[in-house]
Amino acid sequence: MTLQGIRQLPIKVKMRHKSDVRTQFAALCWRLKNDKPQVLLITSRGTKRWIIPKGWPMSGVTPSEAAMTEAWEEAGVKGKPSDRNLGLFSYLKKIPGRPAMPVVAMVYPVRVSKLVDDFPEAGQRRRKWFTPKKAAAMVREPELAQILKHFDPRLL
């Protein structure tokens, strides 16, 4: 059975327990420049390391729509998200005054039509375009590096 043509449905977020797996939705923001793909990385607010926009599930929207919301808030991205999940990666989320928590982030591609300078987290982060291979070398998470390294928008 193929998953082609199946649309995502909005999710319902319920209260979570400390033992629950934490999930986030991430946006792999991309564009074509001179017919070659580029991906957008942003810096984290705390450590300033290179990451992709990501955030917690939101009630009433699909995972790809939640990823698009994070791309807007964290990077000023206007664009079109795809419901196709590119993969997932894990990392430790550091929250001041609390132990680091393990998180699994599901990655959705977002084709960027425009970057704007006035967005919610402007001034808190840097953003920069990279080739997929260079972006893969810039991130710390091995699974995310593999997703970036092998990203090919022709396969979407």
Protein backbone atom coordinates (compact mmCIF):
# COMPACT_ATOMS: atom_id res chain seq x y z
CA MET A 1 0.00 0.00 0.00
CA THR A 2 1.36 3.42 -0.91
CA LEU A 3 1.01 6.55 1.19
CA GLN A 4 0.92 8.80 -1.87
CA GLY A 5 -2.16 11.02 -1.84
CA ILE A 6 -2.93 10.59 1.86
CA ARG A 7 -3.30 13.96 3.55
CA GLN A 8 -2.23 14.78 7.06
CA LEU A 9 -4.96 15.50 9.58
CA PRO A 10 -4.74 18.09 12.35
CA ILE A 11 -3.58 16.63 15.64
CA LYS A 12 -5.02 17.00 19.13
CA VAL A 13 -2.50 17.76 21.84
CA LYS A 14 -3.32 16.27 25.24
CA MET A 15 -1.58 16.72 28.56
CA ARG A 16 1.71 14.86 28.68
CA HIS A 17 3.46 12.96 31.42
CA LYS A 18 7.15 13.12 32.22
CA SER A 19 7.59 9.58 30.87
CA ASP A 20 6.10 10.43 27.45
CA VAL A 21 8.36 10.76 24.42
CA ARG A 22 8.69 14.41 23.45
CA THR A 23 8.07 15.12 19.78
CA GLN A 24 8.74 18.24 17.75
CA PHE A 25 8.08 19.18 14.14
CA ALA A 26 10.94 20.67 12.14
CA ALA A 27 11.14 22.55 8.83
CA LEU A 28 13.81 21.84 6.26
CA CYS A 29 13.53 25.16 4.42
CA TRP A 30 14.85 25.03 0.87
CA ARG A 31 15.10 26.93 -2.40
CA LEU A 32 16.69 26.51 -5.81
CA LYS A 33 19.44 28.94 -6.76
CA ASN A 34 20.91 28.54 -10.26
CA ASP A 35 18.99 25.22 -10.41
CA LYS A 36 20.87 23.91 -7.34
CA PRO A 37 19.20 23.26 -3.97
CA GLN A 38 20.09 25.31 -0.92
CA VAL A 39 18.84 24.81 2.63
CA LEU A 40 18.37 27.42 5.32
CA LEU A 41 19.96 27.00 8.73
CA ILE A 42 19.36 29.23 11.73
CA THR A 43 21.21 29.58 15.01
CA SER A 44 19.76 28.41 18.28
CA ARG A 45 19.01 31.19 20.74
CA GLY A 46 21.15 29.79 23.55
CA THR A 47 24.26 28.12 22.17
CA LYS A 48 24.18 29.80 18.72
CA ARG A 49 24.80 26.46 17.01
CA TRP A 50 23.33 25.79 13.56
CA ILE A 51 19.91 24.10 13.54
CA ILE A 52 16.69 24.00 11.53
CA PRO A 53 13.45 25.61 12.79
CA LYS A 54 11.47 23.29 15.04
CA GLY A 55 8.89 23.38 17.78
CA TRP A 56 6.23 21.57 19.76
CA PRO A 57 3.00 20.13 18.31
CA MET A 58 0.08 22.56 18.04
CA SER A 59 -3.55 21.56 18.47
CA GLY A 60 -5.71 21.82 15.38
CA VAL A 61 -2.93 21.90 12.77
CA THR A 62 -1.06 19.21 10.88
CA PRO A 63 2.58 18.40 11.63
CA SER A 64 3.73 20.10 8.40
CA GLU A 65 1.67 23.22 9.25
CA ALA A 66 3.29 23.29 12.70
CA ALA A 67 6.73 23.05 11.03
CA MET A 68 5.75 25.95 8.73
CA THR A 69 4.70 28.04 11.75
CA GLU A 70 8.11 27.44 13.34
CA ALA A 71 9.86 28.39 10.07
CA TRP A 72 7.95 31.69 10.12
CA GLU A 73 8.51 32.46 13.82
CA GLU A 74 12.19 31.45 13.95
CA ALA A 75 13.43 32.36 10.46
CA GLY A 76 10.94 34.69 8.75
CA VAL A 77 10.13 32.10 6.09
CA LYS A 78 7.18 32.46 3.75
CA GLY A 79 6.60 29.35 1.72
CA LYS A 80 4.80 26.11 1.07
CA PRO A 81 5.16 23.11 3.41
CA SER A 82 4.90 19.54 2.18
CA ASP A 83 3.12 16.77 4.10
CA ARG A 84 5.95 14.39 3.19
CA ASN A 85 8.04 13.51 6.21
CA LEU A 86 11.74 13.41 5.28
CA GLY A 87 12.82 11.54 8.40
CA LEU A 88 13.47 12.21 12.05
CA PHE A 89 16.34 13.05 14.32
CA SER A 90 16.89 13.03 18.05
CA TYR A 91 18.57 15.54 20.29
CA LEU A 92 18.68 16.69 23.91
CA LYS A 93 16.58 19.79 24.59
CA LYS A 94 18.21 21.95 27.22
CA ILE A 95 15.84 24.01 29.33
CA PRO A 96 17.43 26.32 31.94
CA GLY A 97 17.09 24.97 35.47
CA ARG A 98 15.89 21.53 34.32
CA PRO A 99 17.53 18.30 33.22
CA ALA A 100 18.02 17.93 29.45
CA MET A 101 15.09 16.11 27.86
CA PRO A 102 15.32 13.73 24.90
CA VAL A 103 13.30 14.88 21.87
CA VAL A 104 12.51 13.32 18.50
CA ALA A 105 11.95 15.85 15.71
CA MET A 106 10.07 14.93 12.53
CA VAL A 107 11.32 16.87 9.49
CA TYR A 108 9.06 18.37 6.82
CA PRO A 109 10.28 20.21 3.72
CA VAL A 110 9.21 23.83 3.20
CA ARG A 111 9.82 25.42 -0.19
CA VAL A 112 10.78 29.03 0.58
CA SER A 113 9.17 31.68 -1.59
CA LYS A 114 10.42 34.64 0.46
CA LEU A 115 12.43 35.57 3.55
CA VAL A 116 11.25 38.60 5.49
CA ASP A 117 13.27 40.70 7.92
CA ASP A 118 10.44 41.41 10.38
CA PHE A 119 9.47 38.15 12.11
CA PRO A 120 8.84 37.13 15.74
CA GLU A 121 12.40 35.99 16.59
CA ALA A 122 14.30 38.47 14.41
CA GLY A 123 17.36 39.70 16.28
CA GLN A 124 17.56 36.49 18.33
CA ARG A 125 18.94 34.26 15.58
CA ARG A 126 21.15 34.31 12.49
CA ARG A 127 20.07 32.61 9.29
CA LYS A 128 22.13 31.49 6.33
CA TRP A 129 21.75 29.50 3.12
CA PHE A 130 23.99 26.44 2.58
CA THR A 131 24.30 23.64 0.08
CA PRO A 132 22.78 20.47 1.57
CA LYS A 133 26.26 18.93 1.97
CA LYS A 134 27.66 22.01 3.76
CA ALA A 135 24.54 22.26 5.96
CA ALA A 136 25.04 18.62 6.94
CA ALA A 137 28.57 19.47 8.11
CA MET A 138 27.30 22.44 10.17
CA VAL A 139 24.74 20.63 12.39
CA ARG A 140 25.59 18.49 15.43
CA GLU A 141 22.84 15.89 15.19
CA PRO A 142 24.01 12.90 13.06
CA GLU A 143 20.51 11.92 11.86
CA LEU A 144 19.75 15.51 10.83
CA ALA A 145 23.10 15.65 9.02
CA GLN A 146 22.09 12.58 7.00
CA ILE A 147 18.69 14.08 6.11
CA LEU A 148 20.39 17.31 4.96
CA LYS A 149 23.21 15.56 3.09
CA HIS A 150 20.79 13.43 1.05
CA PHE A 151 18.09 16.08 0.52
CA ASP A 152 16.99 16.28 -3.10
CA PRO A 153 13.90 18.42 -3.88
CA ARG A 154 13.38 16.51 -7.15
CA LEU A 155 12.25 13.57 -5.03
CA LEU A 156 9.43 15.49 -3.33
